[in-house]
Amino acid sequence: MQPELFLVGELDSQVVASVMAGYEGHRGWLNYLAVWPKLQGNGYGRAIVEAALEKIEEMGCPKVNLQIRSSNCGVIAFYERLGFKSDDVVSMGKRF
């Protein structure tokens, strides 16, 4: 567990954004970015992702991964604006 990689953004003492990040020694991960819907598009998502990336990079991480549903075009575009690119990989999962 890396509590220093769970970031919360506040505005007027209210939580308006959060992201969970992690680094397991091989790759970093971004998970569960959230921005209060009324404030989306105002830079809070970008700011909190950039803060998380800075912390992960300071740990010596060479690459950060994240997963997005292929149908979520708006989120894909958001991360592309931050410099992320699609990797040539297959993401697999198994539901219980």
N, C-alpha and C. Protein backbone atom coordinates (compact mmCIF):
# COMPACT_ATOMS: atom_id res chain seq x y z
N MET A 1 0.84 -1.17 0.00
CA MET A 1 0.00 0.00 0.00
C MET A 1 0.89 1.24 0.00
N GLN A 2 0.52 2.21 -0.81
CA GLN A 2 1.29 3.44 -0.92
C GLN A 2 0.36 4.65 -0.74
N PRO A 3 0.07 5.00 0.51
CA PRO A 3 -0.88 6.09 0.75
C PRO A 3 -0.45 7.41 0.14
N GLU A 4 0.85 7.60 -0.06
CA GLU A 4 1.33 8.84 -0.66
C GLU A 4 0.93 8.95 -2.14
N LEU A 5 0.45 7.85 -2.72
CA LEU A 5 0.01 7.86 -4.12
C LEU A 5 -1.51 7.88 -4.25
N PHE A 6 -2.21 8.12 -3.15
CA PHE A 6 -3.65 8.36 -3.20
C PHE A 6 -3.83 9.86 -3.03
N LEU A 7 -4.16 10.53 -4.12
CA LEU A 7 -4.22 11.99 -4.11
C LEU A 7 -5.66 12.47 -4.10
N VAL A 8 -5.88 13.54 -3.36
CA VAL A 8 -7.20 14.15 -3.25
C VAL A 8 -7.04 15.64 -3.52
N GLY A 9 -7.88 16.16 -4.41
CA GLY A 9 -7.89 17.58 -4.71
C GLY A 9 -9.06 18.25 -4.02
N GLU A 10 -8.80 19.38 -3.39
CA GLU A 10 -9.84 20.09 -2.67
C GLU A 10 -10.01 21.50 -3.22
N LEU A 11 -11.23 21.98 -3.13
CA LEU A 11 -11.56 23.36 -3.49
C LEU A 11 -12.52 23.85 -2.42
N ASP A 12 -12.16 24.90 -1.74
CA ASP A 12 -13.00 25.43 -0.64
C ASP A 12 -13.37 24.34 0.35
N SER A 13 -12.39 23.55 0.74
CA SER A 13 -12.53 22.47 1.73
C SER A 13 -13.45 21.33 1.28
N GLN A 14 -13.74 21.26 -0.01
CA GLN A 14 -14.56 20.18 -0.57
C GLN A 14 -13.71 19.33 -1.50
N VAL A 15 -13.86 18.01 -1.42
CA VAL A 15 -13.15 17.13 -2.34
C VAL A 15 -13.75 17.29 -3.72
N VAL A 16 -12.89 17.61 -4.70
CA VAL A 16 -13.37 17.79 -6.07
C VAL A 16 -12.70 16.84 -7.06
N ALA A 17 -11.63 16.17 -6.62
CA ALA A 17 -10.92 15.25 -7.51
C ALA A 17 -10.14 14.25 -6.68
N SER A 18 -9.92 13.08 -7.26
CA SER A 18 -9.07 12.08 -6.60
C SER A 18 -8.52 11.13 -7.66
N VAL A 19 -7.41 10.51 -7.30
CA VAL A 19 -6.82 9.48 -8.16
C VAL A 19 -6.02 8.54 -7.26
N MET A 20 -6.09 7.27 -7.60
CA MET A 20 -5.28 6.27 -6.92
C MET A 20 -4.17 5.87 -7.88
N ALA A 21 -2.94 5.91 -7.42
CA ALA A 21 -1.81 5.52 -8.23
C ALA A 21 -1.01 4.46 -7.48
N GLY A 22 -0.16 3.78 -8.19
CA GLY A 22 0.68 2.78 -7.55
C GLY A 22 1.92 2.50 -8.38
N TYR A 23 2.93 1.98 -7.71
CA TYR A 23 4.16 1.57 -8.37
C TYR A 23 4.66 0.32 -7.69
N GLU A 24 4.74 -0.77 -8.44
CA GLU A 24 5.13 -2.06 -7.87
C GLU A 24 6.56 -2.44 -8.21
N GLY A 25 7.36 -1.46 -8.63
CA GLY A 25 8.75 -1.73 -8.91
C GLY A 25 9.04 -2.00 -10.37
N HIS A 26 8.00 -2.25 -11.15
CA HIS A 26 8.16 -2.52 -12.59
C HIS A 26 7.43 -1.47 -13.41
N ARG A 27 6.18 -1.24 -13.10
CA ARG A 27 5.36 -0.25 -13.80
C ARG A 27 4.52 0.51 -12.78
N GLY A 28 4.21 1.73 -13.14
CA GLY A 28 3.27 2.51 -12.37
C GLY A 28 1.88 2.34 -12.95
N TRP A 29 0.89 2.61 -12.13
CA TRP A 29 -0.50 2.50 -12.57
C TRP A 29 -1.29 3.69 -12.08
N LEU A 30 -2.23 4.14 -12.92
CA LEU A 30 -3.22 5.12 -12.51
C LEU A 30 -4.57 4.41 -12.50
N ASN A 31 -5.31 4.61 -11.42
CA ASN A 31 -6.61 3.98 -11.27
C ASN A 31 -7.61 4.98 -10.71
N TYR A 32 -8.82 4.85 -11.15
CA TYR A 32 -9.95 5.54 -10.53
C TYR A 32 -9.81 7.06 -10.43
N LEU A 33 -9.42 7.69 -11.52
CA LEU A 33 -9.46 9.15 -11.54
C LEU A 33 -10.92 9.60 -11.47
N ALA A 34 -11.19 10.56 -10.62
CA ALA A 34 -12.54 11.10 -10.52
C ALA A 34 -12.46 12.61 -10.32
N VAL A 35 -13.32 13.32 -11.02
CA VAL A 35 -13.47 14.76 -10.85
C VAL A 35 -14.96 15.04 -10.73
N TRP A 36 -15.31 15.85 -9.77
CA TRP A 36 -16.71 16.21 -9.57
C TRP A 36 -17.28 16.66 -10.91
N PRO A 37 -18.37 16.06 -11.37
CA PRO A 37 -18.88 16.31 -12.73
C PRO A 37 -19.05 17.78 -13.09
N LYS A 38 -19.52 18.60 -12.19
CA LYS A 38 -19.72 20.02 -12.50
C LYS A 38 -18.41 20.76 -12.74
N LEU A 39 -17.29 20.18 -12.31
CA LEU A 39 -15.99 20.84 -12.46
C LEU A 39 -15.12 20.20 -13.54
N GLN A 40 -15.63 19.18 -14.21
CA GLN A 40 -14.85 18.55 -15.27
C GLN A 40 -14.61 19.57 -16.39
N GLY A 41 -13.43 19.50 -16.98
CA GLY A 41 -13.08 20.45 -18.04
C GLY A 41 -12.42 21.71 -17.54
N ASN A 42 -12.16 21.80 -16.24
CA ASN A 42 -11.53 22.98 -15.66
C ASN A 42 -10.09 22.77 -15.23
N GLY A 43 -9.50 21.63 -15.61
CA GLY A 43 -8.09 21.39 -15.32
C GLY A 43 -7.80 20.62 -14.05
N TYR A 44 -8.82 20.26 -13.28
CA TYR A 44 -8.58 19.53 -12.04
C TYR A 44 -8.08 18.11 -12.31
N GLY A 45 -8.64 17.45 -13.31
CA GLY A 45 -8.18 16.11 -13.68
C GLY A 45 -6.73 16.14 -14.14
N ARG A 46 -6.41 17.06 -15.01
CA ARG A 46 -5.03 17.21 -15.49
C ARG A 46 -4.08 17.46 -14.32
N ALA A 47 -4.45 18.35 -13.44
CA ALA A 47 -3.57 18.70 -12.32
C ALA A 47 -3.30 17.51 -11.41
N ILE A 48 -4.34 16.75 -11.08
CA ILE A 48 -4.14 15.65 -10.14
C ILE A 48 -3.40 14.49 -10.80
N VAL A 49 -3.65 14.26 -12.11
CA VAL A 49 -2.90 13.22 -12.83
C VAL A 49 -1.43 13.62 -12.92
N GLU A 50 -1.15 14.87 -13.25
CA GLU A 50 0.24 15.31 -13.34
C GLU A 50 0.94 15.21 -11.99
N ALA A 51 0.24 15.50 -10.91
CA ALA A 51 0.83 15.36 -9.57
C ALA A 51 1.15 13.90 -9.27
N ALA A 52 0.24 13.01 -9.63
CA ALA A 52 0.48 11.58 -9.41
C ALA A 52 1.65 11.10 -10.25
N LEU A 53 1.71 11.53 -11.51
CA LEU A 53 2.82 11.12 -12.38
C LEU A 53 4.15 11.60 -11.84
N GLU A 54 4.19 12.80 -11.32
CA GLU A 54 5.43 13.34 -10.75
C GLU A 54 5.89 12.48 -9.56
N LYS A 55 4.97 12.12 -8.69
CA LYS A 55 5.32 11.29 -7.54
C LYS A 55 5.82 9.91 -7.98
N ILE A 56 5.16 9.32 -8.97
CA ILE A 56 5.57 8.00 -9.46
C ILE A 56 6.95 8.08 -10.11
N GLU A 57 7.17 9.11 -10.91
CA GLU A 57 8.47 9.26 -11.57
C GLU A 57 9.59 9.45 -10.54
N GLU A 58 9.32 10.19 -9.47
CA GLU A 58 10.32 10.40 -8.42
C GLU A 58 10.72 9.08 -7.76
N MET A 59 9.86 8.07 -7.83
CA MET A 59 10.15 6.75 -7.26
C MET A 59 11.01 5.91 -8.20
N GLY A 60 11.34 6.45 -9.38
CA GLY A 60 12.16 5.73 -10.34
C GLY A 60 11.38 4.90 -11.34
N CYS A 61 10.11 5.14 -11.43
CA CYS A 61 9.25 4.37 -12.34
C CYS A 61 9.55 4.74 -13.80
N PRO A 62 9.75 3.72 -14.67
CA PRO A 62 10.06 4.01 -16.08
C PRO A 62 8.84 4.20 -16.97
N LYS A 63 7.66 3.74 -16.54
CA LYS A 63 6.47 3.78 -17.41
C LYS A 63 5.22 3.66 -16.54
N VAL A 64 4.18 4.36 -16.95
CA VAL A 64 2.90 4.30 -16.26
C VAL A 64 1.85 3.71 -17.19
N ASN A 65 1.05 2.82 -16.65
CA ASN A 65 -0.04 2.20 -17.40
C ASN A 65 -1.38 2.62 -16.80
N LEU A 66 -2.40 2.52 -17.62
CA LEU A 66 -3.77 2.66 -17.15
C LEU A 66 -4.66 1.91 -18.12
N GLN A 67 -5.84 1.60 -17.68
CA GLN A 67 -6.79 0.91 -18.55
C GLN A 67 -8.05 1.75 -18.67
N ILE A 68 -8.58 1.78 -19.89
CA ILE A 68 -9.80 2.53 -20.20
C ILE A 68 -10.67 1.64 -21.07
N ARG A 69 -11.95 1.62 -20.80
CA ARG A 69 -12.84 0.88 -21.69
C ARG A 69 -12.75 1.50 -23.09
N SER A 70 -12.66 0.66 -24.10
CA SER A 70 -12.50 1.15 -25.48
C SER A 70 -13.66 2.02 -25.93
N SER A 71 -14.81 1.89 -25.31
CA SER A 71 -15.98 2.69 -25.67
C SER A 71 -15.98 4.08 -25.01
N ASN A 72 -15.05 4.34 -24.09
CA ASN A 72 -15.02 5.59 -23.35
C ASN A 72 -14.15 6.62 -24.07
N CYS A 73 -14.65 7.09 -25.18
CA CYS A 73 -13.87 7.98 -26.07
C CYS A 73 -13.45 9.28 -25.40
N GLY A 74 -14.29 9.84 -24.55
CA GLY A 74 -13.94 11.09 -23.88
C GLY A 74 -12.75 10.93 -22.97
N VAL A 75 -12.68 9.84 -22.25
CA VAL A 75 -11.56 9.60 -21.33
C VAL A 75 -10.30 9.26 -22.13
N ILE A 76 -10.45 8.51 -23.21
CA ILE A 76 -9.30 8.23 -24.07
C ILE A 76 -8.71 9.54 -24.58
N ALA A 77 -9.55 10.44 -25.05
CA ALA A 77 -9.08 11.74 -25.55
C ALA A 77 -8.41 12.55 -24.45
N PHE A 78 -8.95 12.50 -23.23
CA PHE A 78 -8.34 13.20 -22.10
C PHE A 78 -6.90 12.74 -21.88
N TYR A 79 -6.70 11.42 -21.81
CA TYR A 79 -5.35 10.91 -21.58
C TYR A 79 -4.43 11.13 -22.77
N GLU A 80 -4.96 11.11 -23.97
CA GLU A 80 -4.12 11.42 -25.14
C GLU A 80 -3.61 12.86 -25.06
N ARG A 81 -4.45 13.78 -24.58
CA ARG A 81 -4.00 15.16 -24.41
C ARG A 81 -2.89 15.28 -23.37
N LEU A 82 -2.82 14.30 -22.46
CA LEU A 82 -1.76 14.30 -21.45
C LEU A 82 -0.51 13.54 -21.92
N GLY A 83 -0.52 13.07 -23.17
CA GLY A 83 0.66 12.41 -23.72
C GLY A 83 0.63 10.90 -23.70
N PHE A 84 -0.46 10.31 -23.23
CA PHE A 84 -0.57 8.85 -23.22
C PHE A 84 -0.87 8.35 -24.63
N LYS A 85 -0.40 7.16 -24.92
CA LYS A 85 -0.63 6.51 -26.21
C LYS A 85 -1.08 5.08 -25.96
N SER A 86 -1.81 4.53 -26.92
CA SER A 86 -2.23 3.14 -26.83
C SER A 86 -1.03 2.23 -26.98
N ASP A 87 -0.96 1.21 -26.14
CA ASP A 87 0.08 0.18 -26.24
C ASP A 87 -0.47 -0.99 -27.05
N ASP A 88 0.41 -1.70 -27.70
CA ASP A 88 0.02 -2.88 -28.46
C ASP A 88 0.02 -4.10 -27.52
N VAL A 89 -1.00 -4.15 -26.67
CA VAL A 89 -1.13 -5.23 -25.69
C VAL A 89 -2.58 -5.70 -25.66
N VAL A 90 -2.79 -6.82 -25.02
CA VAL A 90 -4.12 -7.36 -24.79
C VAL A 90 -4.36 -7.33 -23.29
N SER A 91 -5.40 -6.69 -22.88
CA SER A 91 -5.76 -6.68 -21.46
C SER A 91 -6.74 -7.83 -21.24
N MET A 92 -6.44 -8.64 -20.25
CA MET A 92 -7.30 -9.79 -19.96
C MET A 92 -7.77 -9.74 -18.52
N GLY A 93 -8.89 -10.33 -18.27
CA GLY A 93 -9.42 -10.39 -16.93
C GLY A 93 -10.28 -11.64 -16.76
N LYS A 94 -10.60 -11.94 -15.54
CA LYS A 94 -11.47 -13.07 -15.24
C LYS A 94 -12.38 -12.67 -14.09
N ARG A 95 -13.65 -12.73 -14.33
CA ARG A 95 -14.62 -12.37 -13.29
C ARG A 95 -14.94 -13.57 -12.43
N PHE A 96 -15.16 -13.32 -11.17
CA PHE A 96 -15.53 -14.38 -10.24
C PHE A 96 -16.98 -14.21 -9.82
